[in-house]
């Protein structure tokens, strides 16, 4: 049976981090990276409905004027967007890839404009 303990025992095996120290280390990591409220710029959270890692409620959080957005692929698995496109891919996956590409293209253009302004 998969339990939290069975999933965290690997911390001791691989990194020599004891079970007793895990809560403090998790708390530190959550504080450092923002936990469920990360302050991000140019981040796109992609998730799938077949095996979602976590229900994403990121919405359109902003930090410094940039939006952190989410893409939910209803009938696909998480990380499916990272595989090479195939003819047999579902329409929702194809649409998600296009949406992701649109965001990255926009961010690259913005970064290029920012670089020109600072030169």
PDB file of N, CA and C in Angstrom:
ATOM      1  N   UNK A   1       0.838  -1.175   0.000  1.00  0.00           N
ATOM      2  CA  UNK A   1       0.000   0.000   0.000  1.00  0.00           C
ATOM      3  C   UNK A   1       0.888   1.245   0.000  1.00  0.00           C
ATOM      4  N   UNK A   2       0.509   2.213  -0.797  1.00  0.00           N
ATOM      5  CA  UNK A   2       1.245   3.463  -0.864  1.00  0.00           C
ATOM      6  C   UNK A   2       0.771   4.359   0.279  1.00  0.00           C
ATOM      7  N   UNK A   3       1.713   4.747   1.101  1.00  0.00           N
ATOM      8  CA  UNK A   3       1.413   5.650   2.213  1.00  0.00           C
ATOM      9  C   UNK A   3       2.386   6.811   2.173  1.00  0.00           C
ATOM     10  N   UNK A   4       2.102   7.838   2.956  1.00  0.00           N
ATOM     11  CA  UNK A   4       3.026   8.967   3.032  1.00  0.00           C
ATOM     12  C   UNK A   4       4.381   8.488   3.533  1.00  0.00           C
ATOM     13  N   UNK A   5       4.358   7.616   4.531  1.00  0.00           N
ATOM     14  CA  UNK A   5       5.616   7.104   5.082  1.00  0.00           C
ATOM     15  C   UNK A   5       6.410   6.345   4.021  1.00  0.00           C
ATOM     16  N   UNK A   6       5.724   5.484   3.268  1.00  0.00           N
ATOM     17  CA  UNK A   6       6.452   4.725   2.241  1.00  0.00           C
ATOM     18  C   UNK A   6       7.034   5.648   1.174  1.00  0.00           C
ATOM     19  N   UNK A   7       6.352   6.745   0.911  1.00  0.00           N
ATOM     20  CA  UNK A   7       6.839   7.681  -0.092  1.00  0.00           C
ATOM     21  C   UNK A   7       7.964   8.568   0.431  1.00  0.00           C
ATOM     22  N   UNK A   8       8.030   8.752   1.752  1.00  0.00           N
ATOM     23  CA  UNK A   8       9.083   9.611   2.307  1.00  0.00           C
ATOM     24  C   UNK A   8      10.295   8.823   2.789  1.00  0.00           C
ATOM     25  N   UNK A   9      10.192   7.513   2.867  1.00  0.00           N
ATOM     26  CA  UNK A   9      11.355   6.705   3.265  1.00  0.00           C
ATOM     27  C   UNK A   9      12.507   6.858   2.289  1.00  0.00           C
ATOM     28  N   UNK A  10      12.193   7.198   1.062  1.00  0.00           N
ATOM     29  CA  UNK A  10      13.238   7.395   0.054  1.00  0.00           C
ATOM     30  C   UNK A  10      14.147   8.567   0.430  1.00  0.00           C
ATOM     31  N   UNK A  11      13.603   9.530   1.200  1.00  0.00           N
ATOM     32  CA  UNK A  11      14.419  10.674   1.628  1.00  0.00           C
ATOM     33  C   UNK A  11      15.614  10.211   2.464  1.00  0.00           C
ATOM     34  N   UNK A  12      15.363   9.265   3.341  1.00  0.00           N
ATOM     35  CA  UNK A  12      16.443   8.733   4.169  1.00  0.00           C
ATOM     36  C   UNK A  12      17.408   7.905   3.325  1.00  0.00           C
ATOM     37  N   UNK A  13      16.862   7.071   2.475  1.00  0.00           N
ATOM     38  CA  UNK A  13      17.699   6.188   1.652  1.00  0.00           C
ATOM     39  C   UNK A  13      18.611   6.967   0.707  1.00  0.00           C
ATOM     40  N   UNK A  14      18.063   7.962   0.040  1.00  0.00           N
ATOM     41  CA  UNK A  14      18.845   8.676  -0.969  1.00  0.00           C
ATOM     42  C   UNK A  14      19.595   9.893  -0.437  1.00  0.00           C
ATOM     43  N   UNK A  15      18.964  10.617   0.509  1.00  0.00           N
ATOM     44  CA  UNK A  15      19.541  11.892   0.922  1.00  0.00           C
ATOM     45  C   UNK A  15      19.922  11.956   2.399  1.00  0.00           C
ATOM     46  N   UNK A  16      19.693  10.853   3.115  1.00  0.00           N
ATOM     47  CA  UNK A  16      19.980  10.789   4.543  1.00  0.00           C
ATOM     48  C   UNK A  16      19.204  11.849   5.340  1.00  0.00           C
ATOM     49  N   UNK A  17      17.972  12.083   4.928  1.00  0.00           N
ATOM     50  CA  UNK A  17      17.071  13.007   5.624  1.00  0.00           C
ATOM     51  C   UNK A  17      16.096  12.159   6.421  1.00  0.00           C
ATOM     52  N   UNK A  18      16.109  12.325   7.732  1.00  0.00           N
ATOM     53  CA  UNK A  18      15.274  11.494   8.601  1.00  0.00           C
ATOM     54  C   UNK A  18      13.809  11.891   8.523  1.00  0.00           C
ATOM     55  N   UNK A  19      12.945  10.948   8.884  1.00  0.00           N
ATOM     56  CA  UNK A  19      11.505  11.213   8.933  1.00  0.00           C
ATOM     57  C   UNK A  19      11.206  12.358   9.890  1.00  0.00           C
ATOM     58  N   UNK A  20      11.918  12.409  11.008  1.00  0.00           N
ATOM     59  CA  UNK A  20      11.666  13.445  12.016  1.00  0.00           C
ATOM     60  C   UNK A  20      11.974  14.852  11.512  1.00  0.00           C
ATOM     61  N   UNK A  21      12.942  14.986  10.624  1.00  0.00           N
ATOM     62  CA  UNK A  21      13.311  16.312  10.146  1.00  0.00           C
ATOM     63  C   UNK A  21      12.495  16.759   8.931  1.00  0.00           C
ATOM     64  N   UNK A  22      11.704  15.849   8.368  1.00  0.00           N
ATOM     65  CA  UNK A  22      10.945  16.194   7.156  1.00  0.00           C
ATOM     66  C   UNK A  22       9.990  17.367   7.335  1.00  0.00           C
ATOM     67  N   UNK A  23       9.172  17.424   8.391  1.00  0.00           N
ATOM     68  CA  UNK A  23       8.239  18.558   8.504  1.00  0.00           C
ATOM     69  C   UNK A  23       8.933  19.919   8.458  1.00  0.00           C
ATOM     70  N   UNK A  24      10.040  20.052   9.139  1.00  0.00           N
ATOM     71  CA  UNK A  24      10.780  21.318   9.116  1.00  0.00           C
ATOM     72  C   UNK A  24      11.341  21.630   7.745  1.00  0.00           C
ATOM     73  N   UNK A  25      11.846  20.615   7.079  1.00  0.00           N
ATOM     74  CA  UNK A  25      12.413  20.812   5.739  1.00  0.00           C
ATOM     75  C   UNK A  25      11.326  21.153   4.720  1.00  0.00           C
ATOM     76  N   UNK A  26      10.174  20.490   4.843  1.00  0.00           N
ATOM     77  CA  UNK A  26       9.048  20.793   3.956  1.00  0.00           C
ATOM     78  C   UNK A  26       8.576  22.221   4.191  1.00  0.00           C
ATOM     79  N   UNK A  27       8.471  22.622   5.469  1.00  0.00           N
ATOM     80  CA  UNK A  27       8.043  23.983   5.797  1.00  0.00           C
ATOM     81  C   UNK A  27       9.011  25.010   5.213  1.00  0.00           C
ATOM     82  N   UNK A  28      10.314  24.743   5.328  1.00  0.00           N
ATOM     83  CA  UNK A  28      11.308  25.658   4.762  1.00  0.00           C
ATOM     84  C   UNK A  28      11.131  25.779   3.246  1.00  0.00           C
ATOM     85  N   UNK A  29      10.990  24.643   2.572  1.00  0.00           N
ATOM     86  CA  UNK A  29      10.840  24.646   1.113  1.00  0.00           C
ATOM     87  C   UNK A  29       9.589  25.404   0.702  1.00  0.00           C
ATOM     88  N   UNK A  30       8.482  25.182   1.414  1.00  0.00           N
ATOM     89  CA  UNK A  30       7.249  25.899   1.097  1.00  0.00           C
ATOM     90  C   UNK A  30       7.402  27.400   1.302  1.00  0.00           C
ATOM     91  N   UNK A  31       8.075  27.815   2.380  1.00  0.00           N
ATOM     92  CA  UNK A  31       8.312  29.243   2.599  1.00  0.00           C
ATOM     93  C   UNK A  31       9.192  29.815   1.489  1.00  0.00           C
ATOM     94  N   UNK A  32      10.246  29.090   1.152  1.00  0.00           N
ATOM     95  CA  UNK A  32      11.211  29.573   0.165  1.00  0.00           C
ATOM     96  C   UNK A  32      10.584  29.731  -1.220  1.00  0.00           C
ATOM     97  N   UNK A  33       9.798  28.715  -1.650  1.00  0.00           N
ATOM     98  CA  UNK A  33       9.230  28.726  -2.996  1.00  0.00           C
ATOM     99  C   UNK A  33       7.787  29.218  -3.052  1.00  0.00           C
ATOM    100  N   UNK A  34       7.170  29.498  -1.910  1.00  0.00           N
ATOM    101  CA  UNK A  34       5.819  30.042  -1.931  1.00  0.00           C
ATOM    102  C   UNK A  34       4.717  29.033  -1.699  1.00  0.00           C
ATOM    103  N   UNK A  35       5.039  27.745  -1.563  1.00  0.00           N
ATOM    104  CA  UNK A  35       4.020  26.733  -1.305  1.00  0.00           C
ATOM    105  C   UNK A  35       2.901  26.778  -2.327  1.00  0.00           C
ATOM    106  N   UNK A  36       1.661  26.874  -1.847  1.00  0.00           N
ATOM    107  CA  UNK A  36       0.499  26.942  -2.742  1.00  0.00           C
ATOM    108  C   UNK A  36       0.264  28.341  -3.292  1.00  0.00           C
ATOM    109  N   UNK A  37       1.069  29.303  -2.885  1.00  0.00           N
ATOM    110  CA  UNK A  37       0.944  30.684  -3.345  1.00  0.00           C
ATOM    111  C   UNK A  37       2.277  31.188  -3.896  1.00  0.00           C
ATOM    112  N   UNK A  38       2.803  30.528  -4.937  1.00  0.00           N
ATOM    113  CA  UNK A  38       4.109  30.965  -5.449  1.00  0.00           C
ATOM    114  C   UNK A  38       4.011  32.328  -6.119  1.00  0.00           C
ATOM    115  N   UNK A  39       5.038  33.123  -5.945  1.00  0.00           N
ATOM    116  CA  UNK A  39       5.125  34.422  -6.609  1.00  0.00           C
ATOM    117  C   UNK A  39       6.026  34.227  -7.815  1.00  0.00           C
ATOM    118  N   UNK A  40       5.409  34.114  -8.968  1.00  0.00           N
ATOM    119  CA  UNK A  40       6.162  33.728 -10.155  1.00  0.00           C
ATOM    120  C   UNK A  40       5.969  34.732 -11.283  1.00  0.00           C
ATOM    121  N   UNK A  41       6.849  34.647 -12.224  1.00  0.00           N
ATOM    122  CA  UNK A  41       6.755  35.412 -13.450  1.00  0.00           C
ATOM    123  C   UNK A  41       7.012  34.451 -14.603  1.00  0.00           C
ATOM    124  N   UNK A  42       6.217  34.599 -15.635  1.00  0.00           N
ATOM    125  CA  UNK A  42       6.368  33.806 -16.854  1.00  0.00           C
ATOM    126  C   UNK A  42       6.399  32.309 -16.560  1.00  0.00           C
ATOM    127  N   UNK A  43       5.391  31.850 -15.826  1.00  0.00           N
ATOM    128  CA  UNK A  43       5.251  30.437 -15.508  1.00  0.00           C
ATOM    129  C   UNK A  43       3.889  29.977 -15.979  1.00  0.00           C
ATOM    130  N   UNK A  44       3.866  28.833 -16.607  1.00  0.00           N
ATOM    131  CA  UNK A  44       2.626  28.241 -17.081  1.00  0.00           C
ATOM    132  C   UNK A  44       2.476  26.885 -16.411  1.00  0.00           C
ATOM    133  N   UNK A  45       1.436  26.730 -15.627  1.00  0.00           N
ATOM    134  CA  UNK A  45       1.179  25.472 -14.924  1.00  0.00           C
ATOM    135  C   UNK A  45       0.296  24.608 -15.820  1.00  0.00           C
ATOM    136  N   UNK A  46       0.830  23.464 -16.250  1.00  0.00           N
ATOM    137  CA  UNK A  46       0.101  22.577 -17.154  1.00  0.00           C
ATOM    138  C   UNK A  46      -0.242  21.301 -16.403  1.00  0.00           C
ATOM    139  N   UNK A  47      -1.498  20.881 -16.503  1.00  0.00           N
ATOM    140  CA  UNK A  47      -1.959  19.700 -15.789  1.00  0.00           C
ATOM    141  C   UNK A  47      -2.951  18.949 -16.655  1.00  0.00           C
ATOM    142  N   UNK A  48      -3.117  17.665 -16.365  1.00  0.00           N
ATOM    143  CA  UNK A  48      -4.044  16.838 -17.125  1.00  0.00           C
ATOM    144  C   UNK A  48      -5.124  16.240 -16.248  1.00  0.00           C
ATOM    145  N   UNK A  49      -6.276  16.018 -16.804  1.00  0.00           N
ATOM    146  CA  UNK A  49      -7.413  15.487 -16.062  1.00  0.00           C
ATOM    147  C   UNK A  49      -7.371  13.994 -15.832  1.00  0.00           C
ATOM    148  N   UNK A  50      -6.568  13.264 -16.608  1.00  0.00           N
ATOM    149  CA  UNK A  50      -6.513  11.815 -16.462  1.00  0.00           C
ATOM    150  C   UNK A  50      -5.832  11.418 -15.159  1.00  0.00           C
ATOM    151  N   UNK A  51      -4.743  12.075 -14.827  1.00  0.00           N
ATOM    152  CA  UNK A  51      -4.025  11.788 -13.587  1.00  0.00           C
ATOM    153  C   UNK A  51      -3.441  13.076 -13.022  1.00  0.00           C
ATOM    154  N   UNK A  52      -4.301  14.008 -12.625  1.00  0.00           N
ATOM    155  CA  UNK A  52      -3.785  15.304 -12.178  1.00  0.00           C
ATOM    156  C   UNK A  52      -2.921  15.175 -10.938  1.00  0.00           C
ATOM    157  N   UNK A  53      -1.834  15.918 -10.928  1.00  0.00           N
ATOM    158  CA  UNK A  53      -0.955  15.939  -9.758  1.00  0.00           C
ATOM    159  C   UNK A  53      -1.645  16.664  -8.631  1.00  0.00           C
ATOM    160  N   UNK A  54      -2.313  17.711  -8.991  1.00  0.00           N
ATOM    161  CA  UNK A  54      -2.972  18.549  -8.001  1.00  0.00           C
ATOM    162  C   UNK A  54      -3.975  19.409  -8.744  1.00  0.00           C
ATOM    163  N   UNK A  55      -5.088  19.639  -8.136  1.00  0.00           N
ATOM    164  CA  UNK A  55      -6.055  20.531  -8.755  1.00  0.00           C
ATOM    165  C   UNK A  55      -5.447  21.924  -8.767  1.00  0.00           C
ATOM    166  N   UNK A  56      -5.313  22.480  -9.938  1.00  0.00           N
ATOM    167  CA  UNK A  56      -4.675  23.790 -10.048  1.00  0.00           C
ATOM    168  C   UNK A  56      -5.701  24.902  -9.909  1.00  0.00           C
ATOM    169  N   UNK A  57      -5.453  25.769  -8.979  1.00  0.00           N
ATOM    170  CA  UNK A  57      -6.321  26.929  -8.814  1.00  0.00           C
ATOM    171  C   UNK A  57      -5.470  28.184  -8.935  1.00  0.00           C
ATOM    172  N   UNK A  58      -4.487  28.120  -9.804  1.00  0.00           N
ATOM    173  CA  UNK A  58      -3.543  29.221  -9.956  1.00  0.00           C
ATOM    174  C   UNK A  58      -4.243  30.452 -10.506  1.00  0.00           C
ATOM    175  N   UNK A  59      -5.174  30.232 -11.419  1.00  0.00           N
ATOM    176  CA  UNK A  59      -5.870  31.374 -12.001  1.00  0.00           C
ATOM    177  C   UNK A  59      -4.895  32.291 -12.700  1.00  0.00           C
ATOM    178  N   UNK A  60      -5.028  33.555 -12.451  1.00  0.00           N
ATOM    179  CA  UNK A  60      -4.149  34.549 -13.055  1.00  0.00           C
ATOM    180  C   UNK A  60      -3.436  35.347 -11.973  1.00  0.00           C
ATOM    181  N   UNK A  61      -2.688  34.679 -11.129  1.00  0.00           N
ATOM    182  CA  UNK A  61      -1.933  35.380 -10.096  1.00  0.00           C
ATOM    183  C   UNK A  61      -0.913  36.276 -10.769  1.00  0.00           C
ATOM    184  N   UNK A  62      -0.673  37.387 -10.164  1.00  0.00           N
ATOM    185  CA  UNK A  62       0.322  38.279 -10.746  1.00  0.00           C
ATOM    186  C   UNK A  62       1.395  38.606  -9.733  1.00  0.00           C
ATOM    187  N   UNK A  63       2.553  38.857 -10.232  1.00  0.00           N
ATOM    188  CA  UNK A  63       3.685  39.285  -9.412  1.00  0.00           C
ATOM    189  C   UNK A  63       4.563  40.125 -10.330  1.00  0.00           C
ATOM    190  N   UNK A  64       4.666  41.382 -10.052  1.00  0.00           N
ATOM    191  CA  UNK A  64       5.492  42.248 -10.888  1.00  0.00           C
ATOM    192  C   UNK A  64       4.894  42.474 -12.264  1.00  0.00           C
ATOM    193  N   UNK A  65       3.580  42.368 -12.384  1.00  0.00           N
ATOM    194  CA  UNK A  65       2.924  42.646 -13.652  1.00  0.00           C
ATOM    195  C   UNK A  65       2.805  41.455 -14.579  1.00  0.00           C
ATOM    196  N   UNK A  66       3.472  40.367 -14.283  1.00  0.00           N
ATOM    197  CA  UNK A  66       3.392  39.179 -15.134  1.00  0.00           C
ATOM    198  C   UNK A  66       2.320  38.233 -14.621  1.00  0.00           C
ATOM    199  N   UNK A  67       1.724  37.497 -15.504  1.00  0.00           N
ATOM    200  CA  UNK A  67       0.699  36.550 -15.103  1.00  0.00           C
ATOM    201  C   UNK A  67       1.263  35.142 -15.006  1.00  0.00           C
ATOM    202  N   UNK A  68       0.804  34.431 -14.002  1.00  0.00           N
ATOM    203  CA  UNK A  68       1.073  33.002 -13.898  1.00  0.00           C
ATOM    204  C   UNK A  68      -0.249  32.332 -14.235  1.00  0.00           C
ATOM    205  N   UNK A  69      -0.274  31.554 -15.275  1.00  0.00           N
ATOM    206  CA  UNK A  69      -1.523  30.987 -15.740  1.00  0.00           C
ATOM    207  C   UNK A  69      -1.454  29.468 -15.727  1.00  0.00           C
ATOM    208  N   UNK A  70      -2.611  28.855 -15.903  1.00  0.00           N
ATOM    209  CA  UNK A  70      -2.655  27.402 -15.943  1.00  0.00           C
ATOM    210  C   UNK A  70      -3.360  26.941 -17.210  1.00  0.00           C
ATOM    211  N   UNK A  71      -2.937  25.784 -17.687  1.00  0.00           N
ATOM    212  CA  UNK A  71      -3.563  25.113 -18.815  1.00  0.00           C
ATOM    213  C   UNK A  71      -3.984  23.745 -18.320  1.00  0.00           C
ATOM    214  N   UNK A  72      -5.257  23.447 -18.420  1.00  0.00           N
ATOM    215  CA  UNK A  72      -5.776  22.152 -17.982  1.00  0.00           C
ATOM    216  C   UNK A  72      -6.203  21.371 -19.213  1.00  0.00           C
ATOM    217  N   UNK A  73      -5.606  20.188 -19.397  1.00  0.00           N
ATOM    218  CA  UNK A  73      -5.923  19.340 -20.542  1.00  0.00           C
ATOM    219  C   UNK A  73      -6.877  18.261 -20.032  1.00  0.00           C
ATOM    220  N   UNK A  74      -8.153  18.478 -20.236  1.00  0.00           N
ATOM    221  CA  UNK A  74      -9.216  17.679 -19.638  1.00  0.00           C
ATOM    222  C   UNK A  74      -9.026  16.174 -19.820  1.00  0.00           C
ATOM    223  N   UNK A  75      -8.765  15.744 -21.010  1.00  0.00           N
ATOM    224  CA  UNK A  75      -8.743  14.302 -21.279  1.00  0.00           C
ATOM    225  C   UNK A  75      -7.342  13.790 -21.612  1.00  0.00           C
ATOM    226  N   UNK A  76      -6.366  14.288 -20.866  1.00  0.00           N
ATOM    227  CA  UNK A  76      -4.984  13.872 -21.080  1.00  0.00           C
ATOM    228  C   UNK A  76      -4.270  13.775 -19.739  1.00  0.00           C
ATOM    229  N   UNK A  77      -3.113  13.156 -19.758  1.00  0.00           N
ATOM    230  CA  UNK A  77      -2.316  12.995 -18.538  1.00  0.00           C
ATOM    231  C   UNK A  77      -1.374  14.183 -18.371  1.00  0.00           C
ATOM    232  N   UNK A  78      -0.928  14.401 -17.116  1.00  0.00           N
ATOM    233  CA  UNK A  78       0.072  15.443 -16.899  1.00  0.00           C
ATOM    234  C   UNK A  78       1.319  15.074 -17.695  1.00  0.00           C
ATOM    235  N   UNK A  79       2.008  16.048 -18.169  1.00  0.00           N
ATOM    236  CA  UNK A  79       3.236  15.900 -18.968  1.00  0.00           C
ATOM    237  C   UNK A  79       2.999  15.409 -20.392  1.00  0.00           C
ATOM    238  N   UNK A  80       1.763  15.119 -20.766  1.00  0.00           N
ATOM    239  CA  UNK A  80       1.500  14.671 -22.138  1.00  0.00           C
ATOM    240  C   UNK A  80       1.877  15.759 -23.136  1.00  0.00           C
ATOM    241  N   UNK A  81       1.780  17.006 -22.721  1.00  0.00           N
ATOM    242  CA  UNK A  81       2.109  18.126 -23.594  1.00  0.00           C
ATOM    243  C   UNK A  81       3.592  18.162 -23.938  1.00  0.00           C
ATOM    244  N   UNK A  82       4.409  17.440 -23.190  1.00  0.00           N
ATOM    245  CA  UNK A  82       5.855  17.466 -23.404  1.00  0.00           C
ATOM    246  C   UNK A  82       6.327  16.413 -24.401  1.00  0.00           C
ATOM    247  N   UNK A  83       5.423  15.567 -24.847  1.00  0.00           N
ATOM    248  CA  UNK A  83       5.799  14.547 -25.821  1.00  0.00           C
ATOM    249  C   UNK A  83       5.641  15.097 -27.235  1.00  0.00           C
ATOM    250  N   UNK A  84       6.265  14.440 -28.169  1.00  0.00           N
ATOM    251  CA  UNK A  84       6.165  14.839 -29.566  1.00  0.00           C
ATOM    252  C   UNK A  84       4.723  14.640 -30.035  1.00  0.00           C
ATOM    253  N   UNK A  85       4.224  15.602 -30.770  1.00  0.00           N
ATOM    254  CA  UNK A  85       2.859  15.517 -31.288  1.00  0.00           C
ATOM    255  C   UNK A  85       2.688  14.347 -32.252  1.00  0.00           C
ATOM    256  N   UNK A  86       1.527  13.714 -32.161  1.00  0.00           N
ATOM    257  CA  UNK A  86       1.194  12.604 -33.060  1.00  0.00           C
ATOM    258  C   UNK A  86      -0.158  12.869 -33.715  1.00  0.00           C
ATOM    259  N   UNK A  87      -0.389  12.256 -34.810  1.00  0.00           N
ATOM    260  CA  UNK A  87      -1.658  12.394 -35.523  1.00  0.00           C
ATOM    261  C   UNK A  87      -2.808  11.930 -34.632  1.00  0.00           C
ATOM    262  N   UNK A  88      -2.566  10.951 -33.789  1.00  0.00           N
ATOM    263  CA  UNK A  88      -3.610  10.372 -32.948  1.00  0.00           C
ATOM    264  C   UNK A  88      -3.895  11.169 -31.667  1.00  0.00           C
ATOM    265  N   UNK A  89      -3.151  12.254 -31.431  1.00  0.00           N
ATOM    266  CA  UNK A  89      -3.373  13.064 -30.233  1.00  0.00           C
ATOM    267  C   UNK A  89      -4.785  13.637 -30.235  1.00  0.00           C
ATOM    268  N   UNK A  90      -5.354  13.733 -29.047  1.00  0.00           N
ATOM    269  CA  UNK A  90      -6.684  14.323 -28.903  1.00  0.00           C
ATOM    270  C   UNK A  90      -6.628  15.817 -29.211  1.00  0.00           C
ATOM    271  N   UNK A  91      -7.738  16.348 -29.629  1.00  0.00           N
ATOM    272  CA  UNK A  91      -7.831  17.763 -29.980  1.00  0.00           C
ATOM    273  C   UNK A  91      -7.441  18.637 -28.782  1.00  0.00           C
ATOM    274  N   UNK A  92      -7.864  18.258 -27.569  1.00  0.00           N
ATOM    275  CA  UNK A  92      -7.551  19.069 -26.389  1.00  0.00           C
ATOM    276  C   UNK A  92      -6.043  19.159 -26.163  1.00  0.00           C
ATOM    277  N   UNK A  93      -5.320  18.082 -26.439  1.00  0.00           N
ATOM    278  CA  UNK A  93      -3.870  18.087 -26.284  1.00  0.00           C
ATOM    279  C   UNK A  93      -3.225  18.973 -27.355  1.00  0.00           C
ATOM    280  N   UNK A  94      -3.708  18.877 -28.557  1.00  0.00           N
ATOM    281  CA  UNK A  94      -3.187  19.728 -29.635  1.00  0.00           C
ATOM    282  C   UNK A  94      -3.437  21.200 -29.320  1.00  0.00           C
ATOM    283  N   UNK A  95      -4.636  21.509 -28.826  1.00  0.00           N
ATOM    284  CA  UNK A  95      -4.958  22.891 -28.465  1.00  0.00           C
ATOM    285  C   UNK A  95      -4.078  23.384 -27.322  1.00  0.00           C
ATOM    286  N   UNK A  96      -3.826  22.516 -26.348  1.00  0.00           N
ATOM    287  CA  UNK A  96      -2.977  22.896 -25.212  1.00  0.00           C
ATOM    288  C   UNK A  96      -1.561  23.219 -25.690  1.00  0.00           C
ATOM    289  N   UNK A  97      -1.036  22.408 -26.584  1.00  0.00           N
ATOM    290  CA  UNK A  97       0.309  22.673 -27.110  1.00  0.00           C
ATOM    291  C   UNK A  97       0.358  24.027 -27.822  1.00  0.00           C
ATOM    292  N   UNK A  98      -0.685  24.344 -28.562  1.00  0.00           N
ATOM    293  CA  UNK A  98      -0.734  25.635 -29.249  1.00  0.00           C
ATOM    294  C   UNK A  98      -0.797  26.781 -28.245  1.00  0.00           C
ATOM    295  N   UNK A  99      -1.577  26.603 -27.187  1.00  0.00           N
ATOM    296  CA  UNK A  99      -1.688  27.631 -26.158  1.00  0.00           C
ATOM    297  C   UNK A  99      -0.341  27.837 -25.450  1.00  0.00           C
ATOM    298  N   UNK A 100       0.329  26.733 -25.149  1.00  0.00           N
ATOM    299  CA  UNK A 100       1.646  26.803 -24.505  1.00  0.00           C
ATOM    300  C   UNK A 100       2.631  27.533 -25.420  1.00  0.00           C
ATOM    301  N   UNK A 101       2.625  27.171 -26.680  1.00  0.00           N
ATOM    302  CA  UNK A 101       3.521  27.803 -27.644  1.00  0.00           C
ATOM    303  C   UNK A 101       3.260  29.310 -27.732  1.00  0.00           C
ATOM    304  N   UNK A 102       1.997  29.682 -27.702  1.00  0.00           N
ATOM    305  CA  UNK A 102       1.630  31.095 -27.751  1.00  0.00           C
ATOM    306  C   UNK A 102       2.200  31.859 -26.554  1.00  0.00           C
ATOM    307  N   UNK A 103       2.100  31.277 -25.375  1.00  0.00           N
ATOM    308  CA  UNK A 103       2.643  31.918 -24.172  1.00  0.00           C
ATOM    309  C   UNK A 103       4.159  32.058 -24.252  1.00  0.00           C
ATOM    310  N   UNK A 104       4.839  30.987 -24.606  1.00  0.00           N
ATOM    311  CA  UNK A 104       6.304  31.020 -24.665  1.00  0.00           C
ATOM    312  C   UNK A 104       6.770  32.017 -25.720  1.00  0.00           C
ATOM    313  N   UNK A 105       6.111  32.024 -26.861  1.00  0.00           N
ATOM    314  CA  UNK A 105       6.457  32.983 -27.915  1.00  0.00           C
ATOM    315  C   UNK A 105       6.300  34.419 -27.417  1.00  0.00           C
ATOM    316  N   UNK A 106       5.226  34.684 -26.720  1.00  0.00           N
ATOM    317  CA  UNK A 106       4.985  36.021 -26.168  1.00  0.00           C
ATOM    318  C   UNK A 106       6.063  36.391 -25.151  1.00  0.00           C
ATOM    319  N   UNK A 107       6.415  35.458 -24.269  1.00  0.00           N
ATOM    320  CA  UNK A 107       7.437  35.728 -23.265  1.00  0.00           C
ATOM    321  C   UNK A 107       8.793  35.981 -23.901  1.00  0.00           C
ATOM    322  N   UNK A 108       9.119  35.229 -24.957  1.00  0.00           N
ATOM    323  CA  UNK A 108      10.395  35.442 -25.636  1.00  0.00           C
ATOM    324  C   UNK A 108      10.444  36.814 -26.296  1.00  0.00           C
ATOM    325  N   UNK A 109       9.334  37.231 -26.899  1.00  0.00           N
ATOM    326  CA  UNK A 109       9.279  38.566 -27.504  1.00  0.00           C
ATOM    327  C   UNK A 109       9.443  39.642 -26.441  1.00  0.00           C
ATOM    328  N   UNK A 110       8.769  39.471 -25.314  1.00  0.00           N
ATOM    329  CA  UNK A 110       8.873  40.426 -24.218  1.00  0.00           C
ATOM    330  C   UNK A 110      10.306  40.501 -23.701  1.00  0.00           C
ATOM    331  N   UNK A 111      10.941  39.347 -23.537  1.00  0.00           N
ATOM    332  CA  UNK A 111      12.323  39.312 -23.050  1.00  0.00           C
ATOM    333  C   UNK A 111      13.253  40.008 -24.036  1.00  0.00           C
ATOM    334  N   UNK A 112      13.019  39.801 -25.324  1.00  0.00           N
ATOM    335  CA  UNK A 112      13.847  40.455 -26.341  1.00  0.00           C
ATOM    336  C   UNK A 112      13.676  41.976 -26.277  1.00  0.00           C
ATOM    337  N   UNK A 113      12.439  42.437 -26.098  1.00  0.00           N
ATOM    338  CA  UNK A 113      12.173  43.878 -25.976  1.00  0.00           C
ATOM    339  C   UNK A 113      12.839  44.440 -24.722  1.00  0.00           C
ATOM    340  N   UNK A 114      12.760  43.722 -23.620  1.00  0.00           N
ATOM    341  CA  UNK A 114      13.379  44.160 -22.375  1.00  0.00           C
ATOM    342  C   UNK A 114      14.892  44.266 -22.545  1.00  0.00           C
ATOM    343  N   UNK A 115      15.475  43.313 -23.245  1.00  0.00           N
ATOM    344  CA  UNK A 115      16.931  43.318 -23.456  1.00  0.00           C
ATOM    345  C   UNK A 115      17.337  44.536 -24.285  1.00  0.00           C
ATOM    346  N   UNK A 116      16.554  44.832 -25.312  1.00  0.00           N
ATOM    347  CA  UNK A 116      16.870  45.987 -26.161  1.00  0.00           C
ATOM    348  C   UNK A 116      16.797  47.282 -25.372  1.00  0.00           C
ATOM    349  N   UNK A 117      15.850  47.382 -24.446  1.00  0.00           N
ATOM    350  CA  UNK A 117      15.703  48.588 -23.637  1.00  0.00           C
ATOM    351  C   UNK A 117      16.880  48.806 -22.705  1.00  0.00           C
ATOM    352  N   UNK A 118      17.496  47.715 -22.249  1.00  0.00           N
ATOM    353  CA  UNK A 118      18.596  47.832 -21.301  1.00  0.00           C
ATOM    354  C   UNK A 118      19.956  48.005 -21.982  1.00  0.00           C
ATOM    355  N   UNK A 119      20.005  47.808 -23.272  1.00  0.00           N
ATOM    356  CA  UNK A 119      21.286  47.932 -23.994  1.00  0.00           C
ATOM    357  C   UNK A 119      21.607  49.372 -24.308  1.00  0.00           C
TER     358      UNK A 119
END
